[in-house]
Amino acid sequence: MALNCAAIPSALLESELFGHERGAFTGAVTQTIGRFQAADRGTLFLDEIGDLPLELQPKLLRVLQEKQVERLGGDRTFQVDVRVIAATNQGLWRMVQERKFRADLYYRLNVFPITLPPLRERRGDIRLLLAHFLRRFAQRQGKSVDYVSDQVMTAIEKYSWPGNIRELQNFIERSVILTRGAELRAPIAELTKSEPQVDDIRTLEDANRAHIKAMLGETNWVVGGPNGAAARLGMHRTTLIARMQKLGISRETTERSTALPESYTNVPQSLPMRA
């Protein structure tokens, strides 16, 4: 069973997880079992666990520890045997340090962590994903699109895809909508706004440089203050400035390097896509 913790209002999430008795709250006209009881002797997938409200975290921790659940408005305890898989796109450890996520729950969930690298770190998957989404959306729209130019493919492969597979999927769907023939007509001008420097990471210094640049980009190059890059990186403002000077990071040079060369859009040959 699956539950998206970010898609359900906080007031209803407890009932969804643990169930409720009749009359437990306004509108509770029947007894309802929660996802934990429904998934007994099975698997419960908790998506976006980082959005779980703080007040529900100790209750989830108790279920994981004791393997017991109590319905909202009830006094009976039910034994459950559930394997829990949790996923998030947030930095849970950073949230623990910011007191937005309980440390004990973090450690309880972190039994066997699996990190899925972002799409920019597994560019070999891009062609396979493109072919898959192209075939799916072309069939859905009743089109025959089986050709992708080198120009389009190069732009797609060089793009950093900050939105990962969802962003690639939506881009391909939009491209298929715009296509009128057999060749994919992708709006690659949208992709020239990214920073394709991730491939240049070879050393720890390069990784530090890329990480600082990414954080500066998120804060619009605001270094100090409670929401500045220094605070997010967990260092003093003066320390970050000194680190930027050492690594040669400045807004002017970074923005200048994000523009792709003119020759980038003049690839003469084409590449067919085959199923």
C-alpha atoms as a PDB file:
ATOM      1  CA  MET A   1       0.000   0.000   0.000  1.00  0.00           C
ATOM      2  CA  ALA A   2       1.120   3.563  -0.662  1.00  0.00           C
ATOM      3  CA  LEU A   3       0.477   6.884   1.034  1.00  0.00           C
ATOM      4  CA  ASN A   4       1.728  10.308  -0.020  1.00  0.00           C
ATOM      5  CA  CYS A   5       2.312  12.242   3.196  1.00  0.00           C
ATOM      6  CA  ALA A   6       2.353  15.559   1.337  1.00  0.00           C
ATOM      7  CA  ALA A   7      -0.954  15.031  -0.464  1.00  0.00           C
ATOM      8  CA  ILE A   8      -3.178  14.641   2.609  1.00  0.00           C
ATOM      9  CA  PRO A   9      -4.047  17.489   5.015  1.00  0.00           C
ATOM     10  CA  SER A  10      -2.399  17.196   8.417  1.00  0.00           C
ATOM     11  CA  ALA A  11      -5.768  16.918  10.167  1.00  0.00           C
ATOM     12  CA  LEU A  12      -6.637  13.778   8.164  1.00  0.00           C
ATOM     13  CA  LEU A  13      -3.212  12.181   7.944  1.00  0.00           C
ATOM     14  CA  GLU A  14      -3.374  10.559  11.390  1.00  0.00           C
ATOM     15  CA  SER A  15      -6.655   8.881  10.494  1.00  0.00           C
ATOM     16  CA  GLU A  16      -5.232   7.722   7.159  1.00  0.00           C
ATOM     17  CA  LEU A  17      -2.233   6.150   8.877  1.00  0.00           C
ATOM     18  CA  PHE A  18      -3.781   4.660  11.997  1.00  0.00           C
ATOM     19  CA  GLY A  19      -7.536   4.602  11.332  1.00  0.00           C
ATOM     20  CA  HIS A  20     -10.360   5.972  13.490  1.00  0.00           C
ATOM     21  CA  GLU A  21     -13.355   4.833  15.470  1.00  0.00           C
ATOM     22  CA  ARG A  22     -16.900   5.940  14.811  1.00  0.00           C
ATOM     23  CA  GLY A  23     -17.508   9.385  16.316  1.00  0.00           C
ATOM     24  CA  ALA A  24     -13.802  10.120  16.757  1.00  0.00           C
ATOM     25  CA  PHE A  25     -14.312  13.447  14.976  1.00  0.00           C
ATOM     26  CA  THR A  26     -16.945  15.311  13.020  1.00  0.00           C
ATOM     27  CA  GLY A  27     -17.849  13.267   9.974  1.00  0.00           C
ATOM     28  CA  ALA A  28     -16.486   9.974  11.327  1.00  0.00           C
ATOM     29  CA  VAL A  29     -19.732   8.032  10.852  1.00  0.00           C
ATOM     30  CA  THR A  30     -18.104   4.640  10.444  1.00  0.00           C
ATOM     31  CA  GLN A  31     -15.179   2.749  11.854  1.00  0.00           C
ATOM     32  CA  THR A  32     -12.168   2.863   9.479  1.00  0.00           C
ATOM     33  CA  ILE A  33      -8.905   0.974   9.599  1.00  0.00           C
ATOM     34  CA  GLY A  34      -5.733   2.852   8.716  1.00  0.00           C
ATOM     35  CA  ARG A  35      -3.019   2.090   6.203  1.00  0.00           C
ATOM     36  CA  PHE A  36      -0.906   0.260   8.783  1.00  0.00           C
ATOM     37  CA  GLN A  37      -3.648  -2.240   9.553  1.00  0.00           C
ATOM     38  CA  ALA A  38      -4.550  -2.559   5.884  1.00  0.00           C
ATOM     39  CA  ALA A  39      -0.908  -3.325   5.060  1.00  0.00           C
ATOM     40  CA  ASP A  40      -0.512  -5.895   7.855  1.00  0.00           C
ATOM     41  CA  ARG A  41       1.886  -8.668   6.767  1.00  0.00           C
ATOM     42  CA  GLY A  42       2.739  -6.567   3.735  1.00  0.00           C
ATOM     43  CA  THR A  43       4.550  -3.360   2.735  1.00  0.00           C
ATOM     44  CA  LEU A  44       3.553   0.260   3.325  1.00  0.00           C
ATOM     45  CA  PHE A  45       5.228   2.883   1.133  1.00  0.00           C
ATOM     46  CA  LEU A  46       5.311   6.333   2.750  1.00  0.00           C
ATOM     47  CA  ASP A  47       6.139   8.839   0.031  1.00  0.00           C
ATOM     48  CA  GLU A  48       7.378  12.349   0.888  1.00  0.00           C
ATOM     49  CA  ILE A  49       8.096  11.341   4.496  1.00  0.00           C
ATOM     50  CA  GLY A  50       9.846  14.674   5.005  1.00  0.00           C
ATOM     51  CA  ASP A  51       6.423  16.369   4.917  1.00  0.00           C
ATOM     52  CA  LEU A  52       5.100  14.351   7.845  1.00  0.00           C
ATOM     53  CA  PRO A  53       3.947  16.842  10.530  1.00  0.00           C
ATOM     54  CA  LEU A  54       6.048  16.984  13.673  1.00  0.00           C
ATOM     55  CA  GLU A  55       3.098  16.094  15.901  1.00  0.00           C
ATOM     56  CA  LEU A  56       2.597  12.787  14.061  1.00  0.00           C
ATOM     57  CA  GLN A  57       6.239  11.749  14.054  1.00  0.00           C
ATOM     58  CA  PRO A  58       6.315  10.317  17.608  1.00  0.00           C
ATOM     59  CA  LYS A  59       3.172   8.292  16.839  1.00  0.00           C
ATOM     60  CA  LEU A  60       4.788   6.867  13.719  1.00  0.00           C
ATOM     61  CA  LEU A  61       7.930   6.126  15.705  1.00  0.00           C
ATOM     62  CA  ARG A  62       5.907   4.169  18.279  1.00  0.00           C
ATOM     63  CA  VAL A  63       4.300   2.032  15.579  1.00  0.00           C
ATOM     64  CA  LEU A  64       7.699   1.277  14.056  1.00  0.00           C
ATOM     65  CA  GLN A  65       9.206   0.449  17.441  1.00  0.00           C
ATOM     66  CA  GLU A  66       6.383  -1.443  19.129  1.00  0.00           C
ATOM     67  CA  LYS A  67       4.558  -2.757  16.031  1.00  0.00           C
ATOM     68  CA  GLN A  68       1.314  -1.646  17.610  1.00  0.00           C
ATOM     69  CA  VAL A  69      -1.279   0.833  16.399  1.00  0.00           C
ATOM     70  CA  GLU A  70      -4.222   2.581  18.057  1.00  0.00           C
ATOM     71  CA  ARG A  71      -7.083   3.996  16.043  1.00  0.00           C
ATOM     72  CA  LEU A  72      -7.967   7.638  16.506  1.00  0.00           C
ATOM     73  CA  GLY A  73     -10.641   7.917  19.187  1.00  0.00           C
ATOM     74  CA  GLY A  74     -10.172   4.350  20.370  1.00  0.00           C
ATOM     75  CA  ASP A  75      -8.462   2.649  23.304  1.00  0.00           C
ATOM     76  CA  ARG A  76      -7.670  -0.743  21.765  1.00  0.00           C
ATOM     77  CA  THR A  77      -4.191  -1.686  20.592  1.00  0.00           C
ATOM     78  CA  PHE A  78      -3.729  -3.718  17.422  1.00  0.00           C
ATOM     79  CA  GLN A  79      -0.603  -5.668  16.566  1.00  0.00           C
ATOM     80  CA  VAL A  80       0.717  -5.075  13.045  1.00  0.00           C
ATOM     81  CA  ASP A  81       3.595  -6.548  11.077  1.00  0.00           C
ATOM     82  CA  VAL A  82       4.422  -4.084   8.317  1.00  0.00           C
ATOM     83  CA  ARG A  83       7.551  -3.440   6.302  1.00  0.00           C
ATOM     84  CA  VAL A  84       7.883   0.321   5.794  1.00  0.00           C
ATOM     85  CA  ILE A  85       9.584   1.916   2.812  1.00  0.00           C
ATOM     86  CA  ALA A  86       9.918   5.689   3.035  1.00  0.00           C
ATOM     87  CA  ALA A  87      10.997   8.125   0.337  1.00  0.00           C
ATOM     88  CA  THR A  88      11.733  11.834   0.252  1.00  0.00           C
ATOM     89  CA  ASN A  89      13.336  14.434  -1.979  1.00  0.00           C
ATOM     90  CA  GLN A  90      14.414  16.486   1.029  1.00  0.00           C
ATOM     91  CA  GLY A  91      17.577  16.347   3.076  1.00  0.00           C
ATOM     92  CA  LEU A  92      16.287  14.635   6.217  1.00  0.00           C
ATOM     93  CA  TRP A  93      19.538  15.054   8.128  1.00  0.00           C
ATOM     94  CA  ARG A  94      19.467  18.778   7.473  1.00  0.00           C
ATOM     95  CA  MET A  95      15.854  18.828   8.678  1.00  0.00           C
ATOM     96  CA  VAL A  96      16.937  17.014  11.855  1.00  0.00           C
ATOM     97  CA  GLN A  97      19.544  19.706  12.491  1.00  0.00           C
ATOM     98  CA  GLU A  98      16.911  22.381  11.882  1.00  0.00           C
ATOM     99  CA  ARG A  99      14.555  20.561  14.304  1.00  0.00           C
ATOM    100  CA  LYS A 100      12.002  19.984  11.561  1.00  0.00           C
ATOM    101  CA  PHE A 101      12.313  16.191  11.755  1.00  0.00           C
ATOM    102  CA  ARG A 102      12.812  13.992  14.818  1.00  0.00           C
ATOM    103  CA  ALA A 103      16.279  12.479  15.106  1.00  0.00           C
ATOM    104  CA  ASP A 104      14.977   9.234  16.638  1.00  0.00           C
ATOM    105  CA  LEU A 105      12.534   8.740  13.785  1.00  0.00           C
ATOM    106  CA  TYR A 106      15.272   9.523  11.274  1.00  0.00           C
ATOM    107  CA  TYR A 107      17.523   6.830  12.715  1.00  0.00           C
ATOM    108  CA  ARG A 108      14.632   4.354  12.905  1.00  0.00           C
ATOM    109  CA  LEU A 109      13.797   4.852   9.233  1.00  0.00           C
ATOM    110  CA  ASN A 110      17.426   4.890   8.138  1.00  0.00           C
ATOM    111  CA  VAL A 111      17.931   1.130   8.483  1.00  0.00           C
ATOM    112  CA  PHE A 112      18.804   0.482   4.851  1.00  0.00           C
ATOM    113  CA  PRO A 113      19.140   3.757   2.927  1.00  0.00           C
ATOM    114  CA  ILE A 114      19.049   3.743  -0.866  1.00  0.00           C
ATOM    115  CA  THR A 115      20.214   6.931  -2.560  1.00  0.00           C
ATOM    116  CA  LEU A 116      18.925   7.480  -6.081  1.00  0.00           C
ATOM    117  CA  PRO A 117      21.413   9.712  -7.932  1.00  0.00           C
ATOM    118  CA  PRO A 118      19.953  12.671  -9.820  1.00  0.00           C
ATOM    119  CA  LEU A 119      19.543  12.299 -13.559  1.00  0.00           C
ATOM    120  CA  ARG A 120      22.537  14.549 -14.232  1.00  0.00           C
ATOM    121  CA  GLU A 121      24.759  11.928 -12.583  1.00  0.00           C
ATOM    122  CA  ARG A 122      23.466   9.069 -14.738  1.00  0.00           C
ATOM    123  CA  ARG A 123      23.297  10.600 -18.174  1.00  0.00           C
ATOM    124  CA  GLY A 124      23.534   7.164 -19.749  1.00  0.00           C
ATOM    125  CA  ASP A 125      19.864   6.691 -18.796  1.00  0.00           C
ATOM    126  CA  ILE A 126      18.684   9.768 -20.687  1.00  0.00           C
ATOM    127  CA  ARG A 127      18.505   8.156 -24.146  1.00  0.00           C
ATOM    128  CA  LEU A 128      16.636   5.141 -22.797  1.00  0.00           C
ATOM    129  CA  LEU A 129      14.171   7.324 -20.901  1.00  0.00           C
ATOM    130  CA  LEU A 130      13.706   9.605 -23.898  1.00  0.00           C
ATOM    131  CA  ALA A 131      12.888   6.632 -26.150  1.00  0.00           C
ATOM    132  CA  HIS A 132      10.454   5.274 -23.564  1.00  0.00           C
ATOM    133  CA  PHE A 133       8.590   8.550 -23.033  1.00  0.00           C
ATOM    134  CA  LEU A 134       8.630   9.360 -26.748  1.00  0.00           C
ATOM    135  CA  ARG A 135       7.017   6.019 -27.578  1.00  0.00           C
ATOM    136  CA  ARG A 136       4.437   6.393 -24.802  1.00  0.00           C
ATOM    137  CA  PHE A 137       3.303   9.931 -25.621  1.00  0.00           C
ATOM    138  CA  ALA A 138       3.366   9.409 -29.376  1.00  0.00           C
ATOM    139  CA  GLN A 139       1.040   6.412 -29.013  1.00  0.00           C
ATOM    140  CA  ARG A 140      -1.194   8.314 -26.618  1.00  0.00           C
ATOM    141  CA  GLN A 141      -1.554  11.199 -29.075  1.00  0.00           C
ATOM    142  CA  GLY A 142      -1.841   8.986 -32.153  1.00  0.00           C
ATOM    143  CA  LYS A 143       1.367  10.256 -33.739  1.00  0.00           C
ATOM    144  CA  SER A 144       4.308   8.550 -35.404  1.00  0.00           C
ATOM    145  CA  VAL A 145       7.427  10.210 -34.001  1.00  0.00           C
ATOM    146  CA  ASP A 146      10.546   8.083 -34.488  1.00  0.00           C
ATOM    147  CA  TYR A 147      13.335  10.533 -35.268  1.00  0.00           C
ATOM    148  CA  VAL A 148      15.388  12.789 -32.972  1.00  0.00           C
ATOM    149  CA  SER A 149      18.013  15.122 -34.425  1.00  0.00           C
ATOM    150  CA  ASP A 150      21.539  15.289 -33.060  1.00  0.00           C
ATOM    151  CA  GLN A 151      20.876  18.913 -32.148  1.00  0.00           C
ATOM    152  CA  VAL A 152      17.930  17.978 -29.934  1.00  0.00           C
ATOM    153  CA  MET A 153      19.655  14.929 -28.463  1.00  0.00           C
ATOM    154  CA  THR A 154      22.793  16.898 -27.592  1.00  0.00           C
ATOM    155  CA  ALA A 155      20.760  19.604 -25.866  1.00  0.00           C
ATOM    156  CA  ILE A 156      18.797  17.033 -23.878  1.00  0.00           C
ATOM    157  CA  GLU A 157      21.923  15.142 -22.802  1.00  0.00           C
ATOM    158  CA  LYS A 158      23.797  18.285 -21.761  1.00  0.00           C
ATOM    159  CA  TYR A 159      20.924  19.687 -19.713  1.00  0.00           C
ATOM    160  CA  SER A 160      21.309  19.167 -15.947  1.00  0.00           C
ATOM    161  CA  TRP A 161      17.608  18.221 -15.366  1.00  0.00           C
ATOM    162  CA  PRO A 162      17.121  19.711 -11.889  1.00  0.00           C
ATOM    163  CA  GLY A 163      13.597  18.253 -11.916  1.00  0.00           C
ATOM    164  CA  ASN A 164      15.005  14.810 -12.754  1.00  0.00           C
ATOM    165  CA  ILE A 165      12.830  12.229 -14.519  1.00  0.00           C
ATOM    166  CA  ARG A 166       9.550  14.122 -14.001  1.00  0.00           C
ATOM    167  CA  GLU A 167      10.996  17.162 -15.741  1.00  0.00           C
ATOM    168  CA  LEU A 168      12.305  15.024 -18.622  1.00  0.00           C
ATOM    169  CA  GLN A 169       8.938  13.288 -18.934  1.00  0.00           C
ATOM    170  CA  ASN A 170       7.032  16.565 -19.093  1.00  0.00           C
ATOM    171  CA  PHE A 171       9.526  18.003 -21.589  1.00  0.00           C
ATOM    172  CA  ILE A 172       9.111  15.019 -23.927  1.00  0.00           C
ATOM    173  CA  GLU A 173       5.321  15.177 -23.661  1.00  0.00           C
ATOM    174  CA  ARG A 174       5.379  18.888 -24.502  1.00  0.00           C
ATOM    175  CA  SER A 175       7.710  18.182 -27.409  1.00  0.00           C
ATOM    176  CA  VAL A 176       5.411  15.503 -28.818  1.00  0.00           C
ATOM    177  CA  ILE A 177       2.474  17.919 -28.612  1.00  0.00           C
ATOM    178  CA  LEU A 178       4.474  20.441 -30.675  1.00  0.00           C
ATOM    179  CA  THR A 179       5.555  17.829 -33.241  1.00  0.00           C
ATOM    180  CA  ARG A 180       3.679  17.623 -36.555  1.00  0.00           C
ATOM    181  CA  GLY A 181       5.816  15.095 -38.434  1.00  0.00           C
ATOM    182  CA  ALA A 182       8.108  12.152 -37.842  1.00  0.00           C
ATOM    183  CA  GLU A 183      10.932  14.239 -36.341  1.00  0.00           C
ATOM    184  CA  LEU A 184      10.652  15.351 -32.718  1.00  0.00           C
ATOM    185  CA  ARG A 185      10.317  19.136 -32.484  1.00  0.00           C
ATOM    186  CA  ALA A 186      11.597  19.874 -28.993  1.00  0.00           C
ATOM    187  CA  PRO A 187      11.731  23.415 -27.544  1.00  0.00           C
ATOM    188  CA  ILE A 188      15.450  23.127 -26.719  1.00  0.00           C
ATOM    189  CA  ALA A 189      15.709  26.897 -26.145  1.00  0.00           C
ATOM    190  CA  GLU A 190      14.153  26.195 -22.739  1.00  0.00           C
ATOM    191  CA  LEU A 191      17.145  24.038 -21.824  1.00  0.00           C
ATOM    192  CA  THR A 192      19.831  26.685 -22.361  1.00  0.00           C
ATOM    193  CA  LYS A 193      19.094  28.244 -18.965  1.00  0.00           C
ATOM    194  CA  SER A 194      20.773  25.450 -17.010  1.00  0.00           C
ATOM    195  CA  GLU A 195      24.315  25.102 -15.739  1.00  0.00           C
ATOM    196  CA  PRO A 196      25.949  22.121 -17.466  1.00  0.00           C
ATOM    197  CA  GLN A 197      29.069  22.156 -15.272  1.00  0.00           C
ATOM    198  CA  VAL A 198      28.229  19.010 -13.297  1.00  0.00           C
ATOM    199  CA  ASP A 199      30.104  16.814 -15.774  1.00  0.00           C
ATOM    200  CA  ASP A 200      33.269  18.791 -14.996  1.00  0.00           C
ATOM    201  CA  ILE A 201      33.447  17.522 -11.408  1.00  0.00           C
ATOM    202  CA  ARG A 202      36.628  15.511 -11.070  1.00  0.00           C
ATOM    203  CA  THR A 203      38.056  16.427  -7.656  1.00  0.00           C
ATOM    204  CA  LEU A 204      36.811  17.247  -4.176  1.00  0.00           C
ATOM    205  CA  GLU A 205      37.507  20.915  -4.920  1.00  0.00           C
ATOM    206  CA  ASP A 206      35.284  20.698  -8.010  1.00  0.00           C
ATOM    207  CA  ALA A 207      32.534  19.106  -5.927  1.00  0.00           C
ATOM    208  CA  ASN A 208      32.790  21.876  -3.299  1.00  0.00           C
ATOM    209  CA  ARG A 209      32.687  24.497  -6.026  1.00  0.00           C
ATOM    210  CA  ALA A 210      29.604  22.939  -7.648  1.00  0.00           C
ATOM    211  CA  HIS A 211      27.835  22.570  -4.283  1.00  0.00           C
ATOM    212  CA  ILE A 212      28.470  26.196  -3.290  1.00  0.00           C
ATOM    213  CA  LYS A 213      27.349  27.422  -6.715  1.00  0.00           C
ATOM    214  CA  ALA A 214      24.150  25.391  -6.468  1.00  0.00           C
ATOM    215  CA  MET A 215      23.351  26.831  -3.035  1.00  0.00           C
ATOM    216  CA  LEU A 216      24.111  30.361  -4.204  1.00  0.00           C
ATOM    217  CA  GLY A 217      21.785  29.818  -7.131  1.00  0.00           C
ATOM    218  CA  GLU A 218      18.982  28.715  -4.790  1.00  0.00           C
ATOM    219  CA  THR A 219      19.402  31.869  -2.674  1.00  0.00           C
ATOM    220  CA  ASN A 220      19.804  34.185  -5.688  1.00  0.00           C
ATOM    221  CA  TRP A 221      23.405  34.804  -4.577  1.00  0.00           C
ATOM    222  CA  VAL A 222      22.432  36.042  -1.127  1.00  0.00           C
ATOM    223  CA  VAL A 223      25.385  35.069   1.091  1.00  0.00           C
ATOM    224  CA  GLY A 224      24.425  36.280   4.573  1.00  0.00           C
ATOM    225  CA  GLY A 225      21.233  36.342   6.598  1.00  0.00           C
ATOM    226  CA  PRO A 226      19.088  33.542   8.026  1.00  0.00           C
ATOM    227  CA  ASN A 227      18.067  32.348   4.556  1.00  0.00           C
ATOM    228  CA  GLY A 228      21.385  33.020   2.857  1.00  0.00           C
ATOM    229  CA  ALA A 229      23.748  30.501   1.335  1.00  0.00           C
ATOM    230  CA  ALA A 230      26.106  30.579   4.331  1.00  0.00           C
ATOM    231  CA  ALA A 231      23.334  29.573   6.745  1.00  0.00           C
ATOM    232  CA  ARG A 232      22.168  26.789   4.454  1.00  0.00           C
ATOM    233  CA  LEU A 233      25.708  25.495   4.119  1.00  0.00           C
ATOM    234  CA  GLY A 234      26.206  25.618   7.885  1.00  0.00           C
ATOM    235  CA  MET A 235      29.074  28.101   7.919  1.00  0.00           C
ATOM    236  CA  HIS A 236      29.741  31.738   8.787  1.00  0.00           C
ATOM    237  CA  ARG A 237      29.310  34.391   6.121  1.00  0.00           C
ATOM    238  CA  THR A 238      32.977  35.377   6.220  1.00  0.00           C
ATOM    239  CA  THR A 239      34.006  31.727   5.901  1.00  0.00           C
ATOM    240  CA  LEU A 240      31.847  31.289   2.822  1.00  0.00           C
ATOM    241  CA  ILE A 241      33.210  34.467   1.232  1.00  0.00           C
ATOM    242  CA  ALA A 242      36.770  33.279   1.829  1.00  0.00           C
ATOM    243  CA  ARG A 243      35.895  29.868   0.350  1.00  0.00           C
ATOM    244  CA  MET A 244      34.347  31.534  -2.719  1.00  0.00           C
ATOM    245  CA  GLN A 245      37.479  33.611  -3.267  1.00  0.00           C
ATOM    246  CA  LYS A 246      39.673  30.537  -2.946  1.00  0.00           C
ATOM    247  CA  LEU A 247      37.570  28.557  -5.436  1.00  0.00           C
ATOM    248  CA  GLY A 248      37.215  31.478  -7.843  1.00  0.00           C
ATOM    249  CA  ILE A 249      33.438  31.705  -7.499  1.00  0.00           C
ATOM    250  CA  SER A 250      31.726  34.939  -8.474  1.00  0.00           C
ATOM    251  CA  ARG A 251      28.307  35.729  -9.839  1.00  0.00           C
ATOM    252  CA  GLU A 252      29.675  37.418 -12.943  1.00  0.00           C
ATOM    253  CA  THR A 253      31.819  34.491 -14.073  1.00  0.00           C
ATOM    254  CA  THR A 254      29.148  31.929 -13.235  1.00  0.00           C
ATOM    255  CA  GLU A 255      26.399  33.657 -15.203  1.00  0.00           C
ATOM    256  CA  ARG A 256      28.736  34.179 -18.117  1.00  0.00           C
ATOM    257  CA  SER A 257      29.563  30.472 -18.226  1.00  0.00           C
ATOM    258  CA  THR A 258      25.917  29.328 -18.233  1.00  0.00           C
ATOM    259  CA  ALA A 259      25.353  30.547 -21.785  1.00  0.00           C
ATOM    260  CA  LEU A 260      25.922  27.787 -24.335  1.00  0.00           C
ATOM    261  CA  PRO A 261      28.141  28.617 -27.334  1.00  0.00           C
ATOM    262  CA  GLU A 262      26.460  29.499 -30.620  1.00  0.00           C
ATOM    263  CA  SER A 263      27.895  26.390 -32.303  1.00  0.00           C
ATOM    264  CA  TYR A 264      25.893  24.309 -29.824  1.00  0.00           C
ATOM    265  CA  THR A 265      22.711  24.893 -31.823  1.00  0.00           C
ATOM    266  CA  ASN A 266      24.274  24.170 -35.223  1.00  0.00           C
ATOM    267  CA  VAL A 267      24.714  20.397 -35.186  1.00  0.00           C
ATOM    268  CA  PRO A 268      24.180  19.352 -38.834  1.00  0.00           C
ATOM    269  CA  GLN A 269      23.523  15.615 -38.571  1.00  0.00           C
ATOM    270  CA  SER A 270      20.560  13.709 -37.192  1.00  0.00           C
ATOM    271  CA  LEU A 271      20.107  10.594 -35.106  1.00  0.00           C
ATOM    272  CA  PRO A 272      17.144   8.206 -35.590  1.00  0.00           C
ATOM    273  CA  MET A 273      15.476   6.798 -32.516  1.00  0.00           C
ATOM    274  CA  ARG A 274      14.558   3.102 -32.694  1.00  0.00           C
ATOM    275  CA  ALA A 275      12.457   1.092 -30.255  1.00  0.00           C
END
